[in-house]
PDB file of N, CA and C in Angstrom:
ATOM      1  N   UNK A   1      -9.959 -18.024  25.252  1.00  0.00           N
ATOM      2  CA  UNK A   1     -10.681 -17.477  24.075  1.00  0.00           C
ATOM      3  C   UNK A   1      -9.750 -16.224  23.623  1.00  0.00           C
ATOM      4  N   UNK A   2      -9.457 -16.440  22.141  1.00  0.00           N
ATOM      5  CA  UNK A   2      -8.699 -15.546  21.554  1.00  0.00           C
ATOM      6  C   UNK A   2      -9.516 -14.095  21.311  1.00  0.00           C
ATOM      7  N   UNK A   3      -8.820 -12.933  21.535  1.00  0.00           N
ATOM      8  CA  UNK A   3      -9.309 -12.000  21.546  1.00  0.00           C
ATOM      9  C   UNK A   3      -8.875 -11.115  20.349  1.00  0.00           C
ATOM     10  N   UNK A   4      -9.770 -10.846  19.260  1.00  0.00           N
ATOM     11  CA  UNK A   4      -9.145 -10.557  17.944  1.00  0.00           C
ATOM     12  C   UNK A   4      -8.421  -9.211  17.954  1.00  0.00           C
ATOM     13  N   UNK A   5      -9.023  -8.252  18.887  1.00  0.00           N
ATOM     14  CA  UNK A   5      -8.192  -7.053  18.898  1.00  0.00           C
ATOM     15  C   UNK A   5      -7.070  -7.123  19.488  1.00  0.00           C
ATOM     16  N   UNK A   6      -6.628  -7.909  20.222  1.00  0.00           N
ATOM     17  CA  UNK A   6      -5.270  -8.214  20.690  1.00  0.00           C
ATOM     18  C   UNK A   6      -4.270  -9.074  20.026  1.00  0.00           C
ATOM     19  N   UNK A   7      -4.369  -9.696  18.711  1.00  0.00           N
ATOM     20  CA  UNK A   7      -3.637 -10.492  17.981  1.00  0.00           C
ATOM     21  C   UNK A   7      -2.584  -9.450  17.385  1.00  0.00           C
ATOM     22  N   UNK A   8      -1.254 -10.117  17.410  1.00  0.00           N
ATOM     23  CA  UNK A   8      -0.242  -9.304  16.831  1.00  0.00           C
ATOM     24  C   UNK A   8       0.033  -9.535  15.249  1.00  0.00           C
ATOM     25  N   UNK A   9       0.644  -8.520  14.771  1.00  0.00           N
ATOM     26  CA  UNK A   9       1.075  -8.854  13.279  1.00  0.00           C
ATOM     27  C   UNK A   9       2.262  -9.337  13.319  1.00  0.00           C
ATOM     28  N   UNK A  10       2.713 -10.124  12.083  1.00  0.00           N
ATOM     29  CA  UNK A  10       3.968 -10.728  11.863  1.00  0.00           C
ATOM     30  C   UNK A  10       5.134  -9.706  12.287  1.00  0.00           C
ATOM     31  N   UNK A  11       5.136  -8.317  12.018  1.00  0.00           N
ATOM     32  CA  UNK A  11       6.154  -7.437  12.162  1.00  0.00           C
ATOM     33  C   UNK A  11       6.250  -7.198  13.719  1.00  0.00           C
ATOM     34  N   UNK A  12       4.997  -7.181  14.432  1.00  0.00           N
ATOM     35  CA  UNK A  12       5.255  -6.959  15.793  1.00  0.00           C
ATOM     36  C   UNK A  12       5.696  -8.246  16.687  1.00  0.00           C
ATOM     37  N   UNK A  13       5.431  -9.413  16.237  1.00  0.00           N
ATOM     38  CA  UNK A  13       6.183 -10.502  16.483  1.00  0.00           C
ATOM     39  C   UNK A  13       7.784 -10.566  16.318  1.00  0.00           C
ATOM     40  N   UNK A  14       8.161 -10.297  15.176  1.00  0.00           N
ATOM     41  CA  UNK A  14       9.464  -9.864  14.838  1.00  0.00           C
ATOM     42  C   UNK A  14      10.256  -9.195  15.715  1.00  0.00           C
ATOM     43  N   UNK A  15       9.563  -8.194  15.829  1.00  0.00           N
ATOM     44  CA  UNK A  15      10.171  -7.076  16.800  1.00  0.00           C
ATOM     45  C   UNK A  15      10.244  -7.639  18.286  1.00  0.00           C
ATOM     46  N   UNK A  16       9.275  -8.177  18.648  1.00  0.00           N
ATOM     47  CA  UNK A  16       9.396  -8.812  20.149  1.00  0.00           C
ATOM     48  C   UNK A  16      10.513  -9.823  20.175  1.00  0.00           C
ATOM     49  N   UNK A  17      10.612 -10.724  18.978  1.00  0.00           N
ATOM     50  CA  UNK A  17      11.721 -11.793  19.095  1.00  0.00           C
ATOM     51  C   UNK A  17      13.047 -11.312  18.636  1.00  0.00           C
ATOM     52  N   UNK A  18      13.041 -10.016  18.209  1.00  0.00           N
ATOM     53  CA  UNK A  18      14.400  -9.312  17.506  1.00  0.00           C
ATOM     54  C   UNK A  18      14.646 -10.324  16.425  1.00  0.00           C
ATOM     55  N   UNK A  19      14.007 -10.608  15.485  1.00  0.00           N
ATOM     56  CA  UNK A  19      14.268 -11.314  14.305  1.00  0.00           C
ATOM     57  C   UNK A  19      13.595 -10.878  13.087  1.00  0.00           C
ATOM     58  N   UNK A  20      13.617 -11.506  12.020  1.00  0.00           N
ATOM     59  CA  UNK A  20      13.049 -10.854  10.784  1.00  0.00           C
ATOM     60  C   UNK A  20      11.508 -11.360  10.724  1.00  0.00           C
ATOM     61  N   UNK A  21      10.758 -11.039   9.962  1.00  0.00           N
ATOM     62  CA  UNK A  21       9.459 -11.449   9.680  1.00  0.00           C
ATOM     63  C   UNK A  21       9.440 -12.784   8.851  1.00  0.00           C
ATOM     64  N   UNK A  22      10.437 -12.786   7.908  1.00  0.00           N
ATOM     65  CA  UNK A  22      10.654 -14.186   7.573  1.00  0.00           C
ATOM     66  C   UNK A  22      10.837 -15.492   8.434  1.00  0.00           C
ATOM     67  N   UNK A  23      11.495 -15.152   9.478  1.00  0.00           N
ATOM     68  CA  UNK A  23      11.830 -16.110  10.597  1.00  0.00           C
ATOM     69  C   UNK A  23      10.685 -16.337  11.354  1.00  0.00           C
ATOM     70  N   UNK A  24       9.992 -15.256  11.676  1.00  0.00           N
ATOM     71  CA  UNK A  24       8.480 -15.730  12.261  1.00  0.00           C
ATOM     72  C   UNK A  24       7.735 -16.682  11.437  1.00  0.00           C
ATOM     73  N   UNK A  25       7.828 -16.343  10.160  1.00  0.00           N
ATOM     74  CA  UNK A  25       7.094 -17.333   9.242  1.00  0.00           C
ATOM     75  C   UNK A  25       7.519 -18.765   9.200  1.00  0.00           C
ATOM     76  N   UNK A  26       8.694 -18.724   9.172  1.00  0.00           N
ATOM     77  CA  UNK A  26       9.397 -20.103   9.280  1.00  0.00           C
ATOM     78  C   UNK A  26       8.993 -20.802  10.648  1.00  0.00           C
ATOM     79  N   UNK A  27       9.059 -20.016  11.665  1.00  0.00           N
ATOM     80  CA  UNK A  27       8.889 -20.725  13.078  1.00  0.00           C
ATOM     81  C   UNK A  27       7.205 -21.056  12.927  1.00  0.00           C
ATOM     82  N   UNK A  28       6.483 -20.342  12.390  1.00  0.00           N
ATOM     83  CA  UNK A  28       5.095 -20.859  12.304  1.00  0.00           C
ATOM     84  C   UNK A  28       4.883 -22.239  11.325  1.00  0.00           C
ATOM     85  N   UNK A  29       5.385 -21.972  10.230  1.00  0.00           N
ATOM     86  CA  UNK A  29       5.483 -23.330   9.447  1.00  0.00           C
ATOM     87  C   UNK A  29       5.914 -24.618  10.149  1.00  0.00           C
ATOM     88  N   UNK A  30       6.889 -24.139  10.918  1.00  0.00           N
ATOM     89  CA  UNK A  30       7.365 -25.519  11.556  1.00  0.00           C
ATOM     90  C   UNK A  30       6.811 -25.819  12.921  1.00  0.00           C
ATOM     91  N   UNK A  31       5.819 -25.342  13.161  1.00  0.00           N
ATOM     92  CA  UNK A  31       4.918 -25.588  14.177  1.00  0.00           C
ATOM     93  C   UNK A  31       5.372 -25.035  15.716  1.00  0.00           C
ATOM     94  N   UNK A  32       6.420 -24.007  15.779  1.00  0.00           N
ATOM     95  CA  UNK A  32       6.695 -23.372  17.005  1.00  0.00           C
ATOM     96  C   UNK A  32       5.712 -22.705  17.717  1.00  0.00           C
ATOM     97  N   UNK A  33       4.813 -22.123  16.800  1.00  0.00           N
ATOM     98  CA  UNK A  33       3.502 -21.432  17.541  1.00  0.00           C
ATOM     99  C   UNK A  33       2.398 -21.255  16.482  1.00  0.00           C
ATOM    100  N   UNK A  34       1.215 -21.259  16.644  1.00  0.00           N
ATOM    101  CA  UNK A  34       0.291 -21.089  15.649  1.00  0.00           C
ATOM    102  C   UNK A  34       0.206 -19.810  15.315  1.00  0.00           C
ATOM    103  N   UNK A  35      -0.360 -19.579  13.943  1.00  0.00           N
ATOM    104  CA  UNK A  35      -1.004 -18.328  13.457  1.00  0.00           C
ATOM    105  C   UNK A  35      -2.357 -18.390  12.936  1.00  0.00           C
ATOM    106  N   UNK A  36      -2.847 -17.272  12.893  1.00  0.00           N
ATOM    107  CA  UNK A  36      -4.365 -17.244  12.445  1.00  0.00           C
ATOM    108  C   UNK A  36      -4.331 -16.355  11.003  1.00  0.00           C
ATOM    109  N   UNK A  37      -4.693 -16.874   9.993  1.00  0.00           N
ATOM    110  CA  UNK A  37      -4.951 -16.202   9.041  1.00  0.00           C
ATOM    111  C   UNK A  37      -6.129 -15.225   8.704  1.00  0.00           C
ATOM    112  N   UNK A  38      -6.026 -14.063   9.051  1.00  0.00           N
ATOM    113  CA  UNK A  38      -7.122 -12.976   8.914  1.00  0.00           C
ATOM    114  C   UNK A  38      -7.016 -12.197   7.855  1.00  0.00           C
ATOM    115  N   UNK A  39      -7.887 -12.089   6.696  1.00  0.00           N
ATOM    116  CA  UNK A  39      -7.775 -11.377   5.694  1.00  0.00           C
ATOM    117  C   UNK A  39      -6.518 -11.574   4.924  1.00  0.00           C
ATOM    118  N   UNK A  40      -6.150 -12.699   4.839  1.00  0.00           N
ATOM    119  CA  UNK A  40      -4.866 -12.917   3.837  1.00  0.00           C
ATOM    120  C   UNK A  40      -3.489 -12.428   4.731  1.00  0.00           C
ATOM    121  N   UNK A  41      -3.766 -12.007   5.840  1.00  0.00           N
ATOM    122  CA  UNK A  41      -2.450 -11.828   6.543  1.00  0.00           C
ATOM    123  C   UNK A  41      -2.296 -12.648   7.947  1.00  0.00           C
ATOM    124  N   UNK A  42      -1.131 -12.884   8.364  1.00  0.00           N
ATOM    125  CA  UNK A  42      -1.097 -13.982   9.614  1.00  0.00           C
ATOM    126  C   UNK A  42      -0.897 -13.095  10.738  1.00  0.00           C
ATOM    127  N   UNK A  43      -1.850 -13.506  11.781  1.00  0.00           N
ATOM    128  CA  UNK A  43      -1.877 -12.810  13.211  1.00  0.00           C
ATOM    129  C   UNK A  43      -1.557 -13.894  14.112  1.00  0.00           C
ATOM    130  N   UNK A  44      -1.062 -13.280  15.407  1.00  0.00           N
ATOM    131  CA  UNK A  44      -0.444 -14.174  16.416  1.00  0.00           C
ATOM    132  C   UNK A  44      -1.025 -13.931  17.599  1.00  0.00           C
ATOM    133  N   UNK A  45      -1.551 -14.743  18.372  1.00  0.00           N
ATOM    134  CA  UNK A  45      -1.900 -14.575  19.826  1.00  0.00           C
ATOM    135  C   UNK A  45      -0.657 -14.367  20.953  1.00  0.00           C
ATOM    136  N   UNK A  46      -0.702 -13.220  21.425  1.00  0.00           N
ATOM    137  CA  UNK A  46       0.494 -13.230  22.512  1.00  0.00           C
ATOM    138  C   UNK A  46       0.880 -14.238  23.258  1.00  0.00           C
ATOM    139  N   UNK A  47      -0.342 -14.857  23.987  1.00  0.00           N
ATOM    140  CA  UNK A  47      -0.256 -15.974  24.684  1.00  0.00           C
ATOM    141  C   UNK A  47       0.730 -17.046  24.096  1.00  0.00           C
ATOM    142  N   UNK A  48       0.443 -17.413  22.572  1.00  0.00           N
ATOM    143  CA  UNK A  48       1.072 -18.191  21.884  1.00  0.00           C
ATOM    144  C   UNK A  48       2.660 -18.115  22.046  1.00  0.00           C
ATOM    145  N   UNK A  49       3.011 -16.801  21.792  1.00  0.00           N
ATOM    146  CA  UNK A  49       4.309 -16.256  21.767  1.00  0.00           C
ATOM    147  C   UNK A  49       5.038 -16.280  22.931  1.00  0.00           C
ATOM    148  N   UNK A  50       4.255 -15.941  24.018  1.00  0.00           N
ATOM    149  CA  UNK A  50       4.997 -16.251  25.563  1.00  0.00           C
ATOM    150  C   UNK A  50       5.032 -17.659  25.588  1.00  0.00           C
ATOM    151  N   UNK A  51       4.220 -18.449  25.388  1.00  0.00           N
ATOM    152  CA  UNK A  51       4.526 -20.014  25.512  1.00  0.00           C
ATOM    153  C   UNK A  51       5.842 -20.370  24.778  1.00  0.00           C
ATOM    154  N   UNK A  52       5.987 -20.164  23.573  1.00  0.00           N
ATOM    155  CA  UNK A  52       7.102 -20.426  23.011  1.00  0.00           C
ATOM    156  C   UNK A  52       8.363 -19.962  23.383  1.00  0.00           C
ATOM    157  N   UNK A  53       8.362 -18.507  23.921  1.00  0.00           N
ATOM    158  CA  UNK A  53       9.505 -17.883  24.613  1.00  0.00           C
ATOM    159  C   UNK A  53       9.823 -18.605  25.817  1.00  0.00           C
ATOM    160  N   UNK A  54       8.949 -19.188  26.756  1.00  0.00           N
ATOM    161  CA  UNK A  54       9.140 -19.861  27.831  1.00  0.00           C
ATOM    162  C   UNK A  54       9.728 -21.003  27.591  1.00  0.00           C
ATOM    163  N   UNK A  55       9.223 -21.625  26.499  1.00  0.00           N
ATOM    164  CA  UNK A  55       9.935 -23.094  26.105  1.00  0.00           C
ATOM    165  C   UNK A  55      11.115 -22.999  25.790  1.00  0.00           C
ATOM    166  N   UNK A  56      11.611 -21.831  24.905  1.00  0.00           N
ATOM    167  CA  UNK A  56      12.893 -21.642  24.427  1.00  0.00           C
ATOM    168  C   UNK A  56      14.042 -21.475  25.752  1.00  0.00           C
ATOM    169  N   UNK A  57      13.368 -20.606  26.901  1.00  0.00           N
ATOM    170  CA  UNK A  57      14.141 -20.376  28.142  1.00  0.00           C
ATOM    171  C   UNK A  57      14.463 -21.754  28.657  1.00  0.00           C
ATOM    172  N   UNK A  58      13.717 -22.553  28.642  1.00  0.00           N
ATOM    173  CA  UNK A  58      13.838 -23.871  29.315  1.00  0.00           C
ATOM    174  C   UNK A  58      14.729 -24.647  28.472  1.00  0.00           C
ATOM    175  N   UNK A  59      15.014 -24.540  27.186  1.00  0.00           N
ATOM    176  CA  UNK A  59      15.891 -24.969  26.463  1.00  0.00           C
ATOM    177  C   UNK A  59      17.334 -24.688  26.512  1.00  0.00           C
ATOM    178  N   UNK A  60      17.400 -23.340  26.840  1.00  0.00           N
ATOM    179  CA  UNK A  60      18.718 -22.666  26.789  1.00  0.00           C
ATOM    180  C   UNK A  60      19.693 -23.266  27.625  1.00  0.00           C
ATOM    181  N   UNK A  61      20.956 -23.663  27.139  1.00  0.00           N
ATOM    182  CA  UNK A  61      22.163 -24.246  28.275  1.00  0.00           C
ATOM    183  C   UNK A  61      22.861 -23.272  28.748  1.00  0.00           C
TER     184      UNK A  61
END
């Protein structure tokens, strides 16, 4: 179950991934991880970002 008080803002995800907010938005649109629209702003479940990072780690050569 998603805990709304623990959802991350796009800026927080960008900081975590060391990328721009625009790149976070592109990743979401491409389906790399889901986002949740809350009050016109996108929020992200930290568990989904961890899954994405783990998948990227497995793809690194």
